[in-house]
Structures are given as C-alpha cells and as structure tokens.
C-alpha cells in the first residue's frame, strides 16, 4: 500500500473508533434477538435517528410502536419497528412516469 492509502485507512479506523466509543457511551448495543426488547438508543440507531429529542418527538407524533414498562421506561420490538417502517414506506404507483 502506498502512504496515501495507509493514511486514509488510518483516518477511517480513527472515525470508527470514535463512533464505537460514542455508541458505548450511549449504552447502545445491537439487540441479540428479533424478539429481544430494544432500548431507546437501539431503536434510535435502528431507525436512523441521532438526536434523542427528535426521536422522542417522532415516537409521539408518528406513533412509533413501543411498550411502556412504567412511567419512565419504554422498550421497542424490532418486528414492530420493521412493520411500522414498512407501512410508512412510499412507493411510486405502477405505470406512472415521474415528471
């Protein structure tokens, strides 16, 4: 490898290390099983949110499926999130051209 490629790879490794550290700081870890409840941080990552406030507003506004354990604890199920996301996916009508 040349020096330029090595430097680029090192930058990518450093970025991945920072991202991993940030996710660990949040306590996010991948759900082990499709049936295993997901934390708020895991659901945020799964749906592509990076800010908790925006995610919590979307949960209320758009009816993101969740299970309320008690006043302060909410969990999410992967299958429910997948179904919710599939229902919200917009697909173009067949036979129509885009203008």
N, C-alpha and C. Protein backbone atom coordinates (compact mmCIF):
# COMPACT_ATOMS: atom_id res chain seq x y z
N UNK A 1 0.84 -1.19 0.00
CA UNK A 1 0.00 0.00 0.00
C UNK A 1 0.88 1.24 0.00
N UNK A 2 0.42 2.26 -0.69
CA UNK A 2 1.18 3.50 -0.67
C UNK A 2 0.82 4.30 0.58
N UNK A 3 1.56 5.35 0.83
CA UNK A 3 1.39 6.17 2.03
C UNK A 3 0.03 6.84 2.08
N UNK A 4 -0.48 7.27 0.92
CA UNK A 4 -1.79 7.95 0.88
C UNK A 4 -2.91 6.99 1.29
N UNK A 5 -2.88 5.77 0.78
CA UNK A 5 -3.90 4.78 1.12
C UNK A 5 -3.81 4.41 2.60
N UNK A 6 -2.60 4.27 3.11
CA UNK A 6 -2.41 3.95 4.53
C UNK A 6 -2.96 5.06 5.41
N UNK A 7 -2.73 6.29 5.02
CA UNK A 7 -3.24 7.43 5.79
C UNK A 7 -4.77 7.47 5.77
N UNK A 8 -5.36 7.19 4.62
CA UNK A 8 -6.83 7.16 4.52
C UNK A 8 -7.41 6.06 5.40
N UNK A 9 -6.79 4.88 5.37
CA UNK A 9 -7.26 3.78 6.20
C UNK A 9 -7.15 4.12 7.68
N UNK A 10 -6.09 4.78 8.05
CA UNK A 10 -5.91 5.17 9.45
C UNK A 10 -6.98 6.18 9.87
N UNK A 11 -7.34 7.10 8.99
CA UNK A 11 -8.42 8.06 9.29
C UNK A 11 -9.75 7.33 9.47
N UNK A 12 -10.02 6.36 8.62
CA UNK A 12 -11.26 5.60 8.72
C UNK A 12 -11.30 4.82 10.03
N UNK A 13 -10.17 4.19 10.38
CA UNK A 13 -10.10 3.46 11.65
C UNK A 13 -10.36 4.38 12.83
N UNK A 14 -9.78 5.57 12.80
CA UNK A 14 -9.97 6.53 13.88
C UNK A 14 -11.44 6.96 13.98
N UNK A 15 -12.09 7.18 12.83
CA UNK A 15 -13.50 7.54 12.84
C UNK A 15 -14.35 6.41 13.42
N UNK A 16 -14.07 5.19 13.02
CA UNK A 16 -14.81 4.04 13.54
C UNK A 16 -14.61 3.89 15.04
N UNK A 17 -13.41 4.14 15.52
CA UNK A 17 -13.14 4.08 16.96
C UNK A 17 -13.95 5.13 17.70
N UNK A 18 -14.03 6.35 17.14
CA UNK A 18 -14.82 7.41 17.77
C UNK A 18 -16.30 7.05 17.80
N UNK A 19 -16.80 6.50 16.70
CA UNK A 19 -18.21 6.11 16.63
C UNK A 19 -18.50 5.00 17.64
N UNK A 20 -17.61 4.02 17.70
CA UNK A 20 -17.79 2.93 18.67
C UNK A 20 -17.79 3.45 20.10
N UNK A 21 -16.88 4.36 20.40
CA UNK A 21 -16.83 4.95 21.73
C UNK A 21 -18.10 5.72 22.05
N UNK A 22 -18.62 6.45 21.07
CA UNK A 22 -19.86 7.21 21.27
C UNK A 22 -21.03 6.26 21.55
N UNK A 23 -21.12 5.18 20.77
CA UNK A 23 -22.20 4.22 20.97
C UNK A 23 -22.09 3.54 22.33
N UNK A 24 -20.88 3.24 22.75
CA UNK A 24 -20.70 2.65 24.07
C UNK A 24 -21.09 3.64 25.15
N UNK A 25 -20.77 4.91 24.94
CA UNK A 25 -21.15 5.95 25.88
C UNK A 25 -22.67 6.02 26.03
N UNK A 26 -23.38 5.86 24.93
CA UNK A 26 -24.84 5.88 24.96
C UNK A 26 -25.41 4.60 25.56
N UNK A 27 -24.60 3.58 25.64
CA UNK A 27 -25.09 2.30 26.13
C UNK A 27 -25.77 1.49 25.04
N UNK A 28 -25.58 1.91 23.80
CA UNK A 28 -26.21 1.22 22.68
C UNK A 28 -25.43 -0.05 22.36
N UNK A 29 -26.15 -1.09 22.12
CA UNK A 29 -25.56 -2.33 21.65
C UNK A 29 -26.62 -2.98 20.78
N UNK A 30 -26.23 -3.76 19.79
CA UNK A 30 -27.24 -4.38 18.94
C UNK A 30 -28.11 -5.35 19.73
N UNK A 31 -29.38 -5.39 19.40
CA UNK A 31 -30.27 -6.37 20.02
C UNK A 31 -29.80 -7.76 19.59
N UNK A 32 -29.80 -8.69 20.52
CA UNK A 32 -29.30 -10.03 20.25
C UNK A 32 -30.28 -10.86 19.43
N UNK A 33 -31.55 -10.59 19.59
CA UNK A 33 -32.59 -11.43 19.00
C UNK A 33 -33.71 -10.52 18.51
N UNK A 34 -34.41 -10.94 17.49
CA UNK A 34 -35.51 -10.13 16.96
C UNK A 34 -36.59 -9.92 18.00
N UNK A 35 -36.75 -10.85 18.94
CA UNK A 35 -37.77 -10.73 19.97
C UNK A 35 -37.29 -9.99 21.21
N UNK A 36 -35.98 -9.79 21.33
CA UNK A 36 -35.43 -9.11 22.50
C UNK A 36 -35.83 -7.65 22.47
N UNK A 37 -36.32 -7.11 23.58
CA UNK A 37 -36.68 -5.69 23.61
C UNK A 37 -35.46 -4.82 23.33
N UNK A 38 -35.70 -3.72 22.61
CA UNK A 38 -34.63 -2.78 22.28
C UNK A 38 -34.77 -1.55 23.19
N UNK A 39 -33.64 -1.01 23.60
CA UNK A 39 -33.64 0.22 24.36
C UNK A 39 -33.96 1.39 23.42
N UNK A 40 -34.19 2.54 24.00
CA UNK A 40 -34.43 3.74 23.19
C UNK A 40 -33.25 4.00 22.27
N UNK A 41 -32.04 3.85 22.78
CA UNK A 41 -30.84 4.11 21.98
C UNK A 41 -30.73 3.12 20.82
N UNK A 42 -31.06 1.86 21.06
CA UNK A 42 -31.02 0.86 20.00
C UNK A 42 -32.07 1.16 18.93
N UNK A 43 -33.27 1.53 19.37
CA UNK A 43 -34.34 1.87 18.42
C UNK A 43 -33.96 3.10 17.61
N UNK A 44 -33.34 4.08 18.26
CA UNK A 44 -32.88 5.28 17.56
C UNK A 44 -31.91 4.90 16.45
N UNK A 45 -30.92 4.09 16.80
CA UNK A 45 -29.92 3.68 15.82
C UNK A 45 -30.57 2.87 14.70
N UNK A 46 -31.50 1.99 15.04
CA UNK A 46 -32.16 1.15 14.05
C UNK A 46 -32.94 1.99 13.04
N UNK A 47 -33.60 3.05 13.53
CA UNK A 47 -34.41 3.89 12.65
C UNK A 47 -33.64 5.06 12.06
N UNK A 48 -32.37 5.21 12.44
CA UNK A 48 -31.53 6.24 11.83
C UNK A 48 -31.56 7.60 12.51
N UNK A 49 -32.02 7.66 13.73
CA UNK A 49 -32.03 8.93 14.47
C UNK A 49 -30.72 9.09 15.22
N UNK A 50 -30.24 10.33 15.32
CA UNK A 50 -29.02 10.59 16.07
C UNK A 50 -29.28 11.44 17.30
N UNK A 51 -30.41 12.16 17.32
CA UNK A 51 -30.74 13.02 18.46
C UNK A 51 -31.94 12.45 19.19
N UNK A 52 -31.79 12.29 20.50
CA UNK A 52 -32.83 11.67 21.30
C UNK A 52 -34.11 12.51 21.31
N UNK A 53 -33.97 13.83 21.38
CA UNK A 53 -35.16 14.69 21.43
C UNK A 53 -35.99 14.53 20.17
N UNK A 54 -35.35 14.55 19.01
CA UNK A 54 -36.07 14.36 17.75
C UNK A 54 -36.73 13.01 17.67
N UNK A 55 -36.05 11.99 18.18
CA UNK A 55 -36.61 10.64 18.17
C UNK A 55 -37.85 10.57 19.05
N UNK A 56 -37.76 11.13 20.26
CA UNK A 56 -38.90 11.06 21.17
C UNK A 56 -40.10 11.83 20.64
N UNK A 57 -39.85 12.94 19.95
CA UNK A 57 -40.95 13.66 19.30
C UNK A 57 -41.59 12.82 18.21
N UNK A 58 -40.76 12.13 17.43
CA UNK A 58 -41.27 11.27 16.35
C UNK A 58 -42.07 10.11 16.92
N UNK A 59 -41.62 9.57 18.04
CA UNK A 59 -42.33 8.46 18.69
C UNK A 59 -43.77 8.88 18.99
N UNK A 60 -43.92 10.07 19.56
CA UNK A 60 -45.26 10.55 19.90
C UNK A 60 -46.04 11.00 18.67
N UNK A 61 -45.39 11.75 17.80
CA UNK A 61 -46.08 12.33 16.64
C UNK A 61 -46.50 11.29 15.62
N UNK A 62 -45.62 10.34 15.33
CA UNK A 62 -45.89 9.38 14.26
C UNK A 62 -46.31 8.00 14.75
N UNK A 63 -46.47 7.86 16.05
CA UNK A 63 -46.97 6.60 16.58
C UNK A 63 -46.00 5.44 16.44
N UNK A 64 -44.73 5.68 16.68
CA UNK A 64 -43.76 4.59 16.64
C UNK A 64 -44.17 3.57 17.71
N UNK A 65 -44.33 2.30 17.33
CA UNK A 65 -44.80 1.30 18.31
C UNK A 65 -43.79 1.08 19.42
N UNK A 66 -44.30 1.05 20.63
CA UNK A 66 -43.45 0.89 21.81
C UNK A 66 -44.22 0.19 22.91
N UNK A 67 -43.49 -0.29 23.88
CA UNK A 67 -44.09 -0.93 25.05
C UNK A 67 -43.69 -0.10 26.25
N UNK A 68 -44.68 0.41 26.95
CA UNK A 68 -44.42 1.24 28.13
C UNK A 68 -44.35 0.32 29.35
N UNK A 69 -43.16 0.17 29.90
CA UNK A 69 -42.94 -0.70 31.05
C UNK A 69 -43.45 -0.03 32.33
N UNK A 70 -43.10 1.23 32.49
CA UNK A 70 -43.60 2.04 33.61
C UNK A 70 -43.53 3.50 33.19
N UNK A 71 -43.67 4.43 34.11
CA UNK A 71 -43.69 5.86 33.74
C UNK A 71 -42.41 6.31 33.05
N UNK A 72 -41.29 5.69 33.39
CA UNK A 72 -40.01 6.16 32.87
C UNK A 72 -39.33 5.22 31.89
N UNK A 73 -39.86 4.02 31.71
CA UNK A 73 -39.16 3.05 30.87
C UNK A 73 -40.04 2.60 29.70
N UNK A 74 -39.47 2.72 28.52
CA UNK A 74 -40.13 2.31 27.28
C UNK A 74 -39.15 1.41 26.53
N UNK A 75 -39.67 0.33 25.93
CA UNK A 75 -38.84 -0.54 25.09
C UNK A 75 -39.52 -0.71 23.74
N UNK A 76 -38.76 -1.18 22.78
CA UNK A 76 -39.24 -1.33 21.42
C UNK A 76 -38.95 -2.76 20.96
N UNK A 77 -39.77 -3.27 20.05
CA UNK A 77 -39.53 -4.58 19.47
C UNK A 77 -39.18 -4.41 18.00
N UNK A 78 -38.14 -5.10 17.57
CA UNK A 78 -37.65 -4.98 16.20
C UNK A 78 -38.74 -5.29 15.18
N UNK A 79 -39.50 -6.35 15.40
CA UNK A 79 -40.55 -6.73 14.44
C UNK A 79 -41.59 -5.62 14.30
N UNK A 80 -41.95 -5.00 15.41
CA UNK A 80 -42.93 -3.91 15.38
C UNK A 80 -42.37 -2.69 14.64
N UNK A 81 -41.08 -2.40 14.86
CA UNK A 81 -40.46 -1.27 14.17
C UNK A 81 -40.36 -1.54 12.67
N UNK A 82 -40.03 -2.78 12.31
CA UNK A 82 -39.95 -3.13 10.88
C UNK A 82 -41.31 -2.99 10.21
N UNK A 83 -42.36 -3.47 10.86
CA UNK A 83 -43.71 -3.36 10.29
C UNK A 83 -44.14 -1.90 10.19
N UNK A 84 -43.83 -1.11 11.21
CA UNK A 84 -44.18 0.31 11.21
C UNK A 84 -43.47 1.03 10.07
N UNK A 85 -42.19 0.73 9.91
CA UNK A 85 -41.41 1.38 8.84
C UNK A 85 -41.92 0.95 7.46
N UNK A 86 -42.27 -0.32 7.31
CA UNK A 86 -42.80 -0.81 6.03
C UNK A 86 -44.12 -0.12 5.68
N UNK A 87 -44.96 0.10 6.69
CA UNK A 87 -46.25 0.78 6.46
C UNK A 87 -46.06 2.23 6.03
N UNK A 88 -44.96 2.84 6.44
CA UNK A 88 -44.72 4.25 6.14
C UNK A 88 -43.89 4.45 4.87
N UNK A 89 -43.46 3.37 4.23
CA UNK A 89 -42.65 3.46 3.03
C UNK A 89 -43.53 3.88 1.86
N UNK A 90 -43.09 4.90 1.15
CA UNK A 90 -43.84 5.41 0.00
C UNK A 90 -43.23 4.81 -1.26
N UNK A 91 -44.07 4.18 -2.05
CA UNK A 91 -43.62 3.57 -3.30
C UNK A 91 -44.36 4.24 -4.45
N UNK A 92 -43.69 4.50 -5.57
CA UNK A 92 -44.37 5.11 -6.70
C UNK A 92 -45.43 4.17 -7.27
N UNK A 93 -46.51 4.76 -7.78
CA UNK A 93 -47.57 3.95 -8.39
C UNK A 93 -47.04 3.32 -9.67
N UNK A 94 -47.48 2.11 -9.94
CA UNK A 94 -47.04 1.41 -11.15
C UNK A 94 -47.68 2.04 -12.37
N UNK A 95 -46.91 2.07 -13.46
CA UNK A 95 -47.43 2.56 -14.73
C UNK A 95 -47.44 4.07 -14.88
N UNK A 96 -47.03 4.77 -13.86
CA UNK A 96 -46.99 6.23 -13.95
C UNK A 96 -45.55 6.68 -14.04
N UNK A 97 -45.33 7.64 -14.89
CA UNK A 97 -43.98 8.18 -15.00
C UNK A 97 -43.83 9.37 -14.07
N UNK A 98 -42.63 9.59 -13.65
CA UNK A 98 -42.33 10.74 -12.79
C UNK A 98 -42.04 11.93 -13.67
N UNK A 99 -42.63 13.04 -13.35
CA UNK A 99 -42.40 14.25 -14.13
C UNK A 99 -41.59 15.24 -13.36
